[in-house]
């Protein structure tokens, strides 16, 4: 549910991402609205009543443009239109200026629309900020990892924790404590991602027949 702040909208291909909270921060001051109100209404069947300067419910029934479309999607589509379709660099420079973005002149001079789009979008809505913020606010604390889970992370599936060197096993308490004390050991976890065919995943591998199935 985006309004609960647990969804990130992203394009890894073009290097940008955002959550509802991203635009709550942007528009709260611009529209002079409270953050709690925007947080509840930026996503959903709500629209802005320009005359009364209020947020109203029932955008679909009244044929109004939802706030999320008006304030978020329309602006993203405008950038895509300017860069990929119109290829209007003069207009793009004005948009970059109005958004207060810092884009390297080298990127702005690029003749490759993909490079240009990624440079602008990643400066406006950096994917790293959105994902890291979501991880920090929504994922369980490392301190809640638990001993058994920590053991699984400290050794491969084919190796038992008890078979690890004593010095490695001794790090378990530090691993679960997750202390930020400057005297605590610094532990780095490196995860290597390897692309594999879906058929090679454990749950999709051919299973051995049981004795009953063989007899049948």
Protein backbone atom coordinates (compact mmCIF):
# COMPACT_ATOMS: atom_id res chain seq x y z
CA UNK A 1 0.00 0.00 0.00
CA UNK A 2 1.87 3.12 -1.23
CA UNK A 3 0.17 5.46 1.25
CA UNK A 4 1.58 3.31 4.06
CA UNK A 5 5.06 4.12 2.80
CA UNK A 6 6.03 0.54 2.02
CA UNK A 7 6.22 0.76 -1.79
CA UNK A 8 9.03 2.07 -3.99
CA UNK A 9 8.21 3.01 -7.57
CA UNK A 10 11.31 2.56 -9.66
CA UNK A 11 13.00 2.13 -12.99
CA UNK A 12 16.33 0.41 -12.44
CA UNK A 13 16.91 0.68 -16.19
CA UNK A 14 16.77 4.49 -16.09
CA UNK A 15 18.25 4.83 -12.60
CA UNK A 16 15.45 6.45 -10.61
CA UNK A 17 13.07 5.56 -7.80
CA UNK A 18 10.75 7.20 -5.32
CA UNK A 19 8.25 6.48 -2.59
CA UNK A 20 5.15 8.51 -1.74
CA UNK A 21 7.17 10.10 1.06
CA UNK A 22 9.61 11.49 -1.53
CA UNK A 23 6.94 13.73 -3.04
CA UNK A 24 5.31 14.45 0.30
CA UNK A 25 8.55 16.21 1.26
CA UNK A 26 8.70 18.02 -2.08
CA UNK A 27 5.13 19.32 -2.18
CA UNK A 28 4.30 19.96 1.49
CA UNK A 29 6.07 23.31 1.44
CA UNK A 30 5.19 24.17 -2.17
CA UNK A 31 1.46 23.61 -1.65
CA UNK A 32 1.53 24.80 1.96
CA UNK A 33 -0.09 21.57 3.14
CA UNK A 34 0.72 19.46 6.14
CA UNK A 35 2.82 16.36 5.54
CA UNK A 36 0.36 14.01 7.33
CA UNK A 37 -2.46 15.13 5.01
CA UNK A 38 -0.38 14.68 1.86
CA UNK A 39 0.90 11.35 3.13
CA UNK A 40 -2.70 10.06 3.32
CA UNK A 41 -3.98 11.58 0.09
CA UNK A 42 -1.11 11.65 -2.41
CA UNK A 43 -1.99 8.07 -3.32
CA UNK A 44 -5.61 7.13 -3.87
CA UNK A 45 -8.88 8.55 -5.18
CA UNK A 46 -8.16 12.17 -4.26
CA UNK A 47 -7.86 15.38 -6.26
CA UNK A 48 -7.02 19.02 -5.63
CA UNK A 49 -9.92 21.46 -5.70
CA UNK A 50 -8.13 24.49 -7.12
CA UNK A 51 -10.90 26.96 -6.21
CA UNK A 52 -11.18 25.93 -2.58
CA UNK A 53 -7.52 24.95 -2.35
CA UNK A 54 -8.50 21.70 -0.69
CA UNK A 55 -7.88 18.03 -1.27
CA UNK A 56 -11.13 16.26 -2.04
CA UNK A 57 -12.13 12.61 -2.33
CA UNK A 58 -13.82 11.13 -5.42
CA UNK A 59 -11.49 11.95 -8.31
CA UNK A 60 -12.71 9.03 -10.43
CA UNK A 61 -16.43 9.77 -9.95
CA UNK A 62 -15.97 13.46 -10.74
CA UNK A 63 -13.65 12.91 -13.68
CA UNK A 64 -10.79 14.70 -11.96
CA UNK A 65 -7.11 13.91 -12.30
CA UNK A 66 -5.87 12.10 -9.17
CA UNK A 67 -3.23 13.95 -7.15
CA UNK A 68 -0.68 11.20 -7.77
CA UNK A 69 -1.06 11.64 -11.53
CA UNK A 70 -1.07 15.42 -11.37
CA UNK A 71 1.87 15.91 -9.04
CA UNK A 72 4.00 12.85 -9.71
CA UNK A 73 3.37 10.95 -12.93
CA UNK A 74 2.72 13.98 -15.15
CA UNK A 75 6.07 15.46 -14.16
CA UNK A 76 7.92 12.21 -14.82
CA UNK A 77 6.20 11.78 -18.18
CA UNK A 78 7.04 15.40 -19.05
CA UNK A 79 10.75 14.69 -18.58
CA UNK A 80 10.55 11.54 -20.67
CA UNK A 81 8.64 13.42 -23.38
CA UNK A 82 11.19 16.23 -23.42
CA UNK A 83 14.24 13.94 -23.56
CA UNK A 84 13.13 10.93 -25.62
CA UNK A 85 10.40 12.29 -27.90
CA UNK A 86 10.82 16.04 -28.38
CA UNK A 87 14.60 15.97 -27.79
CA UNK A 88 14.27 19.58 -26.68
CA UNK A 89 17.49 20.39 -24.82
CA UNK A 90 16.57 24.02 -24.24
CA UNK A 91 13.36 23.02 -22.46
CA UNK A 92 15.21 20.31 -20.56
CA UNK A 93 17.75 22.81 -19.23
CA UNK A 94 14.88 24.95 -17.94
CA UNK A 95 13.31 21.91 -16.25
CA UNK A 96 16.63 20.97 -14.67
CA UNK A 97 16.99 24.52 -13.39
CA UNK A 98 13.45 24.69 -11.99
CA UNK A 99 13.98 21.40 -10.16
CA UNK A 100 17.27 22.65 -8.75
CA UNK A 101 19.19 19.64 -10.05
CA UNK A 102 22.94 19.33 -10.39
CA UNK A 103 23.65 17.53 -13.64
CA UNK A 104 27.15 17.40 -15.09
CA UNK A 105 27.50 19.62 -18.17
CA UNK A 106 29.07 16.65 -19.95
CA UNK A 107 25.86 14.65 -19.47
CA UNK A 108 23.64 17.53 -20.56
CA UNK A 109 25.66 17.82 -23.78
CA UNK A 110 25.30 14.10 -24.51
CA UNK A 111 23.67 13.18 -27.80
CA UNK A 112 22.55 9.85 -26.38
CA UNK A 113 18.98 10.27 -25.02
CA UNK A 114 19.45 7.31 -22.67
CA UNK A 115 22.53 8.87 -21.05
CA UNK A 116 20.76 12.21 -20.78
CA UNK A 117 17.59 10.74 -19.27
CA UNK A 118 19.46 8.65 -16.72
CA UNK A 119 21.61 11.61 -15.69
CA UNK A 120 18.60 13.85 -15.06
CA UNK A 121 16.30 11.27 -13.46
CA UNK A 122 18.99 9.84 -11.18
CA UNK A 123 19.81 13.36 -10.01
CA UNK A 124 16.14 14.17 -9.35
CA UNK A 125 15.02 10.83 -7.90
CA UNK A 126 18.14 8.84 -6.94
CA UNK A 127 17.35 5.15 -6.71
CA UNK A 128 19.90 4.62 -3.93
CA UNK A 129 18.20 7.16 -1.64
CA UNK A 130 14.74 5.68 -2.15
CA UNK A 131 15.79 2.06 -1.62
CA UNK A 132 18.08 2.75 1.36
CA UNK A 133 15.40 4.88 3.03
CA UNK A 134 12.87 2.08 2.59
CA UNK A 135 15.31 -0.49 3.97
CA UNK A 136 15.99 1.64 7.04
CA UNK A 137 12.34 2.44 7.75
CA UNK A 138 10.57 -0.81 6.87
CA UNK A 139 12.91 -3.79 7.15
CA UNK A 140 13.48 -5.42 10.55
CA UNK A 141 16.45 -4.17 12.53
CA UNK A 142 19.65 -6.26 12.20
CA UNK A 143 19.55 -6.51 15.98
CA UNK A 144 16.42 -8.66 15.61
CA UNK A 145 18.27 -11.11 13.34
CA UNK A 146 18.45 -13.93 15.86
CA UNK A 147 21.20 -16.47 16.51
CA UNK A 148 20.05 -19.16 14.08
CA UNK A 149 19.65 -16.76 11.20
CA UNK A 150 23.07 -15.27 11.95
CA UNK A 151 24.62 -18.75 11.82
CA UNK A 152 23.07 -19.31 8.39
CA UNK A 153 24.56 -16.06 7.11
CA UNK A 154 28.00 -16.84 8.54
CA UNK A 155 28.48 -20.14 6.72
CA UNK A 156 27.39 -21.74 3.44
CA UNK A 157 24.54 -24.25 3.34
CA UNK A 158 26.96 -27.13 2.88
CA UNK A 159 28.92 -26.27 6.04
CA UNK A 160 27.79 -26.57 9.65
CA UNK A 161 28.42 -23.63 11.94
CA UNK A 162 30.14 -25.87 14.48
CA UNK A 163 32.76 -26.79 11.89
CA UNK A 164 33.90 -23.20 11.39
CA UNK A 165 37.17 -22.02 12.96
CA UNK A 166 36.83 -21.06 16.61
CA UNK A 167 37.72 -17.45 15.90
CA UNK A 168 34.94 -17.28 13.31
CA UNK A 169 32.42 -18.84 15.67
CA UNK A 170 33.43 -16.32 18.32
CA UNK A 171 32.15 -13.55 16.04
CA UNK A 172 28.57 -14.80 16.43
CA UNK A 173 27.91 -12.66 19.51
CA UNK A 174 29.27 -9.58 17.74
CA UNK A 175 27.24 -10.44 14.64
CA UNK A 176 23.96 -10.59 16.57
CA UNK A 177 24.81 -7.61 18.81
CA UNK A 178 25.24 -5.38 15.75
CA UNK A 179 27.08 -2.83 17.86
CA UNK A 180 28.09 0.55 16.50
CA UNK A 181 30.74 0.93 19.19
CA UNK A 182 34.07 1.95 17.69
CA UNK A 183 35.78 -0.87 19.57
CA UNK A 184 33.43 -3.55 18.25
CA UNK A 185 34.67 -5.80 15.42
CA UNK A 186 33.80 -4.61 11.94
CA UNK A 187 32.01 -7.37 10.04
CA UNK A 188 31.37 -7.11 6.31
CA UNK A 189 28.88 -9.42 4.63
CA UNK A 190 29.44 -9.92 0.90
CA UNK A 191 26.65 -11.48 -1.10
CA UNK A 192 27.40 -12.63 -4.63
CA UNK A 193 24.40 -12.79 -6.95
CA UNK A 194 24.64 -15.28 -9.80
CA UNK A 195 21.94 -15.42 -12.50
CA UNK A 196 20.64 -18.94 -13.05
CA UNK A 197 17.95 -20.47 -15.17
CA UNK A 198 14.63 -20.82 -13.33
CA UNK A 199 14.72 -24.58 -13.89
CA UNK A 200 17.92 -24.79 -11.80
CA UNK A 201 16.32 -23.36 -8.68
CA UNK A 202 15.99 -25.94 -5.87
CA UNK A 203 12.19 -25.92 -5.93
CA UNK A 204 12.14 -26.57 -9.69
CA UNK A 205 14.71 -29.36 -9.87
CA UNK A 206 13.61 -32.88 -10.71
CA UNK A 207 12.93 -34.82 -7.54
CA UNK A 208 14.00 -38.41 -6.95
CA UNK A 209 11.21 -40.93 -6.97
CA UNK A 210 10.23 -42.44 -3.65
CA UNK A 211 10.27 -46.22 -3.08
CA UNK A 212 6.48 -46.26 -3.35
CA UNK A 213 6.57 -44.42 -6.68
CA UNK A 214 9.26 -46.80 -7.99
CA UNK A 215 7.18 -49.85 -7.02
CA UNK A 216 4.15 -48.32 -8.74
